[in-house]
């Protein structure tokens, strides 16, 4: 067994039909884990699970659609994952929402509530659903995909940044609560990554130039460059790391 061997582990990954979530699912499967693919649309979940099974073997991936804004959907996601695989070793909270660009003074209550519910409250919901079995086994890894937006201010995505800062504190608090049970809770904070979710920040050449102007590596990242951190945190390699935020941003936050 190597430090990054994930054989015998099951990872449930929200928002895993594209972008960072899909890259995490693929790399965990490559390292031997079984993975549950989940997002709102069942056809997208089915397609990604089928492609992972084709690459890594039948039974590697299971498709379970769930809307993170629904507590009932998340409970069903956990129950069906347990029914199929018997246990959940790793939970990756990757799904998030950002329905508004602009100053905070103009955001509607519904938009602000959606950001806070989907990006913070839903994470706490699903973590609370998974933790009891991890406590019983005295083992588990919870990974929250946050953002460097939680470390900086913004004039256009302030609500999103607030939610991502809260995710970092959620990880720290839960790491304190569950550490005595050998459960690790950490965050990954990506910078600008070439995903559909962040398309507005990289699709236009001028916007892209502005986005990379203070990046020491002079480019944006790709989803696979985030996935390795999740493999580290979900495997034995990360066994003594908890309550931390791994920043993967090409150096933007140090420039």
Protein backbone atom coordinates (compact mmCIF):
# COMPACT_ATOMS: atom_id res chain seq x y z
CA UNK A 1 0.00 0.00 0.00
CA UNK A 2 1.31 3.43 -0.97
CA UNK A 3 0.45 6.69 0.74
CA UNK A 4 -1.91 7.57 -2.11
CA UNK A 5 -3.58 4.18 -2.45
CA UNK A 6 -7.36 4.58 -2.18
CA UNK A 7 -8.41 0.97 -2.71
CA UNK A 8 -11.31 -0.05 -0.49
CA UNK A 9 -12.49 3.55 -0.02
CA UNK A 10 -15.73 5.13 -1.18
CA UNK A 11 -15.87 8.82 -2.02
CA UNK A 12 -19.13 10.74 -2.42
CA UNK A 13 -18.48 13.86 -4.50
CA UNK A 14 -21.11 16.55 -5.03
CA UNK A 15 -21.05 18.58 -8.22
CA UNK A 16 -18.98 15.89 -9.92
CA UNK A 17 -20.33 15.84 -13.48
CA UNK A 18 -17.93 18.52 -14.71
CA UNK A 19 -15.02 20.76 -13.79
CA UNK A 20 -13.16 20.29 -10.52
CA UNK A 21 -15.64 17.75 -9.11
CA UNK A 22 -15.34 15.48 -12.12
CA UNK A 23 -11.53 15.71 -12.10
CA UNK A 24 -11.52 14.73 -8.40
CA UNK A 25 -13.79 11.76 -9.11
CA UNK A 26 -11.63 10.57 -11.99
CA UNK A 27 -8.36 10.84 -10.07
CA UNK A 28 -9.76 9.14 -6.97
CA UNK A 29 -11.04 6.33 -9.18
CA UNK A 30 -7.61 6.11 -10.80
CA UNK A 31 -6.11 5.63 -7.33
CA UNK A 32 -8.49 2.78 -6.55
CA UNK A 33 -11.49 4.41 -4.88
CA UNK A 34 -15.14 3.78 -5.65
CA UNK A 35 -16.89 7.07 -6.38
CA UNK A 36 -20.45 8.37 -6.27
CA UNK A 37 -21.14 10.90 -9.02
CA UNK A 38 -23.75 13.46 -8.06
CA UNK A 39 -25.24 16.67 -9.44
CA UNK A 40 -28.73 17.96 -10.15
CA UNK A 41 -29.21 16.26 -13.52
CA UNK A 42 -29.49 12.47 -13.60
CA UNK A 43 -28.52 12.17 -17.27
CA UNK A 44 -25.23 14.00 -16.66
CA UNK A 45 -24.53 11.80 -13.61
CA UNK A 46 -25.25 8.66 -15.60
CA UNK A 47 -22.96 9.73 -18.44
CA UNK A 48 -19.98 10.55 -16.22
CA UNK A 49 -20.41 7.39 -14.13
CA UNK A 50 -20.55 5.31 -17.31
CA UNK A 51 -17.36 6.93 -18.65
CA UNK A 52 -15.51 6.33 -15.37
CA UNK A 53 -16.67 2.72 -15.30
CA UNK A 54 -15.47 2.27 -18.87
CA UNK A 55 -12.01 3.59 -17.88
CA UNK A 56 -11.52 2.00 -14.48
CA UNK A 57 -13.80 -1.02 -14.41
CA UNK A 58 -17.47 -1.80 -13.89
CA UNK A 59 -18.73 -0.86 -10.44
CA UNK A 60 -16.17 1.88 -9.89
CA UNK A 61 -18.71 4.71 -10.17
CA UNK A 62 -22.34 5.04 -9.13
CA UNK A 63 -24.69 7.76 -10.37
CA UNK A 64 -27.03 9.42 -7.85
CA UNK A 65 -28.61 12.75 -8.80
CA UNK A 66 -29.25 15.21 -5.96
CA UNK A 67 -29.92 18.91 -5.57
CA UNK A 68 -27.76 20.36 -2.79
CA UNK A 69 -30.46 22.87 -1.90
CA UNK A 70 -32.73 19.97 -0.86
CA UNK A 71 -32.02 18.35 2.49
CA UNK A 72 -34.18 15.39 1.42
CA UNK A 73 -32.12 14.91 -1.76
CA UNK A 74 -28.89 14.92 0.22
CA UNK A 75 -30.26 12.40 2.71
CA UNK A 76 -31.24 10.14 -0.18
CA UNK A 77 -27.76 10.54 -1.69
CA UNK A 78 -26.17 9.31 1.53
CA UNK A 79 -28.66 6.49 2.08
CA UNK A 80 -28.32 5.15 -1.47
CA UNK A 81 -24.52 5.38 -1.32
CA UNK A 82 -24.50 3.39 1.92
CA UNK A 83 -26.95 0.85 0.51
CA UNK A 84 -24.77 0.24 -2.54
CA UNK A 85 -21.30 0.35 -0.99
CA UNK A 86 -21.87 -0.19 2.73
CA UNK A 87 -19.93 2.85 3.94
CA UNK A 88 -18.66 6.31 3.02
CA UNK A 89 -14.99 7.00 3.71
CA UNK A 90 -14.60 10.35 1.97
CA UNK A 91 -17.03 13.20 1.39
CA UNK A 92 -16.12 15.93 -1.07
CA UNK A 93 -18.39 19.00 -0.86
CA UNK A 94 -17.72 20.54 -4.25
CA UNK A 95 -21.10 21.75 -5.55
CA UNK A 96 -21.73 25.48 -5.17
CA UNK A 97 -23.80 28.36 -6.55
CA UNK A 98 -23.05 31.90 -7.63
CA UNK A 99 -26.18 33.44 -9.21
CA UNK A 100 -25.14 37.09 -8.89
CA UNK A 101 -22.38 39.40 -10.12
CA UNK A 102 -22.31 42.94 -8.79
CA UNK A 103 -22.18 45.03 -5.59
CA UNK A 104 -23.60 43.55 -2.41
CA UNK A 105 -26.00 46.48 -1.99
CA UNK A 106 -27.92 45.29 -5.05
CA UNK A 107 -28.11 41.56 -4.43
CA UNK A 108 -31.64 40.28 -3.84
CA UNK A 109 -32.51 38.39 -0.69
CA UNK A 110 -33.31 35.30 -2.73
CA UNK A 111 -29.91 35.41 -4.46
CA UNK A 112 -28.02 35.95 -1.22
CA UNK A 113 -29.96 33.18 0.52
CA UNK A 114 -29.26 30.79 -2.36
CA UNK A 115 -25.51 31.43 -2.13
CA UNK A 116 -25.44 30.96 1.64
CA UNK A 117 -27.71 27.90 1.64
CA UNK A 118 -25.99 26.04 -1.19
CA UNK A 119 -22.41 26.97 -0.34
CA UNK A 120 -22.47 26.76 3.46
CA UNK A 121 -25.66 25.35 4.98
CA UNK A 122 -25.92 22.43 2.53
CA UNK A 123 -22.31 21.48 3.29
CA UNK A 124 -23.12 21.31 6.99
CA UNK A 125 -26.24 19.27 6.23
CA UNK A 126 -24.48 16.57 4.25
CA UNK A 127 -21.45 16.47 6.55
CA UNK A 128 -23.77 15.92 9.53
CA UNK A 129 -25.42 13.05 7.63
CA UNK A 130 -22.11 11.30 6.93
CA UNK A 131 -20.25 11.89 10.18
CA UNK A 132 -22.06 9.36 12.44
CA UNK A 133 -20.74 6.36 10.51
CA UNK A 134 -17.25 7.89 10.42
CA UNK A 135 -17.37 8.33 14.20
CA UNK A 136 -18.38 4.69 14.56
CA UNK A 137 -15.42 3.55 12.47
CA UNK A 138 -13.03 6.16 13.89
CA UNK A 139 -11.99 7.16 10.40
CA UNK A 140 -13.03 9.59 7.69
CA UNK A 141 -11.99 12.47 5.47
CA UNK A 142 -14.18 15.44 4.62
CA UNK A 143 -13.04 17.85 1.92
CA UNK A 144 -14.74 21.17 1.22
CA UNK A 145 -13.88 22.85 -2.07
CA UNK A 146 -13.72 26.52 -1.15
CA UNK A 147 -12.00 29.27 -3.17
CA UNK A 148 -9.33 31.94 -2.83
CA UNK A 149 -12.34 34.24 -2.90
CA UNK A 150 -12.63 33.34 0.76
CA UNK A 151 -9.23 34.97 1.36
CA UNK A 152 -9.74 38.17 -0.64
CA UNK A 153 -12.38 40.80 -1.23
CA UNK A 154 -14.32 41.39 -4.44
CA UNK A 155 -16.49 44.14 -5.90
CA UNK A 156 -18.45 41.69 -8.07
CA UNK A 157 -18.72 38.31 -6.32
CA UNK A 158 -18.87 39.42 -2.71
CA UNK A 159 -21.61 37.03 -1.61
CA UNK A 160 -19.73 34.08 -3.10
CA UNK A 161 -16.53 35.18 -1.37
CA UNK A 162 -18.34 35.48 1.96
CA UNK A 163 -19.68 31.95 1.56
CA UNK A 164 -16.25 30.57 0.72
CA UNK A 165 -14.68 32.24 3.75
CA UNK A 166 -17.40 30.64 5.85
CA UNK A 167 -16.54 27.25 4.36
CA UNK A 168 -12.98 27.65 5.62
CA UNK A 169 -14.26 28.37 9.12
CA UNK A 170 -16.72 25.48 8.86
CA UNK A 171 -13.78 23.18 8.17
CA UNK A 172 -11.82 24.54 11.14
CA UNK A 173 -14.78 24.19 13.51
CA UNK A 174 -15.64 20.67 12.40
CA UNK A 175 -11.98 19.64 12.54
CA UNK A 176 -12.03 20.62 16.21
CA UNK A 177 -15.29 18.77 16.84
CA UNK A 178 -14.40 15.54 15.08
CA UNK A 179 -10.64 15.28 15.43
CA UNK A 180 -10.92 13.04 18.51
CA UNK A 181 -12.77 10.56 16.30
CA UNK A 182 -9.94 10.49 13.74
CA UNK A 183 -12.05 12.42 11.23
CA UNK A 184 -10.20 15.01 9.18
CA UNK A 185 -11.92 18.10 7.73
CA UNK A 186 -10.03 20.29 5.28
CA UNK A 187 -10.60 22.84 2.52
CA UNK A 188 -9.14 23.22 -0.94
CA UNK A 189 -9.08 26.83 -2.17
CA UNK A 190 -8.56 26.98 -5.94
CA UNK A 191 -7.76 30.16 -7.77
CA UNK A 192 -9.17 30.78 -11.23
CA UNK A 193 -9.68 27.40 -12.88
CA UNK A 194 -10.88 26.83 -16.45
CA UNK A 195 -14.35 25.50 -15.68
CA UNK A 196 -17.83 26.32 -16.97
CA UNK A 197 -18.64 27.66 -13.50
CA UNK A 198 -15.93 30.35 -13.83
CA UNK A 199 -16.38 30.97 -17.55
CA UNK A 200 -17.28 34.63 -17.08
CA UNK A 201 -13.81 35.21 -15.61
CA UNK A 202 -11.76 33.61 -18.42
CA UNK A 203 -13.84 33.38 -21.61
CA UNK A 204 -13.18 36.95 -22.79
CA UNK A 205 -9.51 37.63 -23.72
CA UNK A 206 -9.43 40.98 -21.93
CA UNK A 207 -11.01 39.52 -18.80
CA UNK A 208 -8.54 36.65 -18.91
CA UNK A 209 -5.63 39.07 -19.25
CA UNK A 210 -6.87 40.98 -16.22
CA UNK A 211 -7.41 37.76 -14.27
CA UNK A 212 -3.86 36.54 -14.87
CA UNK A 213 -2.03 39.87 -14.65
CA UNK A 214 -0.85 39.32 -11.08
CA UNK A 215 -0.47 35.57 -11.26
CA UNK A 216 3.21 34.55 -10.99
CA UNK A 217 2.55 31.59 -13.30
CA UNK A 218 0.85 33.92 -15.83
CA UNK A 219 -2.04 31.56 -16.54
CA UNK A 220 -5.17 30.07 -15.06
CA UNK A 221 -5.41 26.49 -13.83
CA UNK A 222 -7.23 23.43 -15.12
CA UNK A 223 -9.43 21.11 -13.02
CA UNK A 224 -6.92 18.27 -12.93
CA UNK A 225 -4.44 20.55 -11.15
CA UNK A 226 -6.82 20.66 -8.19
CA UNK A 227 -7.68 16.96 -8.14
CA UNK A 228 -4.32 15.86 -6.73
CA UNK A 229 -4.93 17.81 -3.54
CA UNK A 230 -8.17 15.92 -3.01
CA UNK A 231 -6.39 12.58 -3.51
CA UNK A 232 -3.81 13.68 -0.92
CA UNK A 233 -6.47 14.69 1.60
CA UNK A 234 -8.56 11.57 1.04
CA UNK A 235 -5.70 9.08 1.25
CA UNK A 236 -3.25 8.00 3.96
CA UNK A 237 -0.91 10.75 2.74
CA UNK A 238 -3.16 13.30 4.48
CA UNK A 239 -3.77 11.37 7.70
CA UNK A 240 -2.34 14.02 10.03
CA UNK A 241 -3.75 17.10 8.28
CA UNK A 242 -6.98 18.69 9.49
CA UNK A 243 -8.60 22.09 9.71
CA UNK A 244 -6.39 23.46 6.95
CA UNK A 245 -6.87 25.31 3.67
CA UNK A 246 -4.80 24.17 0.68
CA UNK A 247 -4.47 27.08 -1.74
CA UNK A 248 -3.99 26.13 -5.40
CA UNK A 249 -3.88 29.37 -7.36
CA UNK A 250 -0.65 29.65 -9.34
CA UNK A 251 0.58 32.13 -6.74
CA UNK A 252 -2.13 34.78 -7.10
CA UNK A 253 -2.59 35.27 -3.36
CA UNK A 254 1.14 35.82 -2.74
CA UNK A 255 1.71 38.35 -5.51
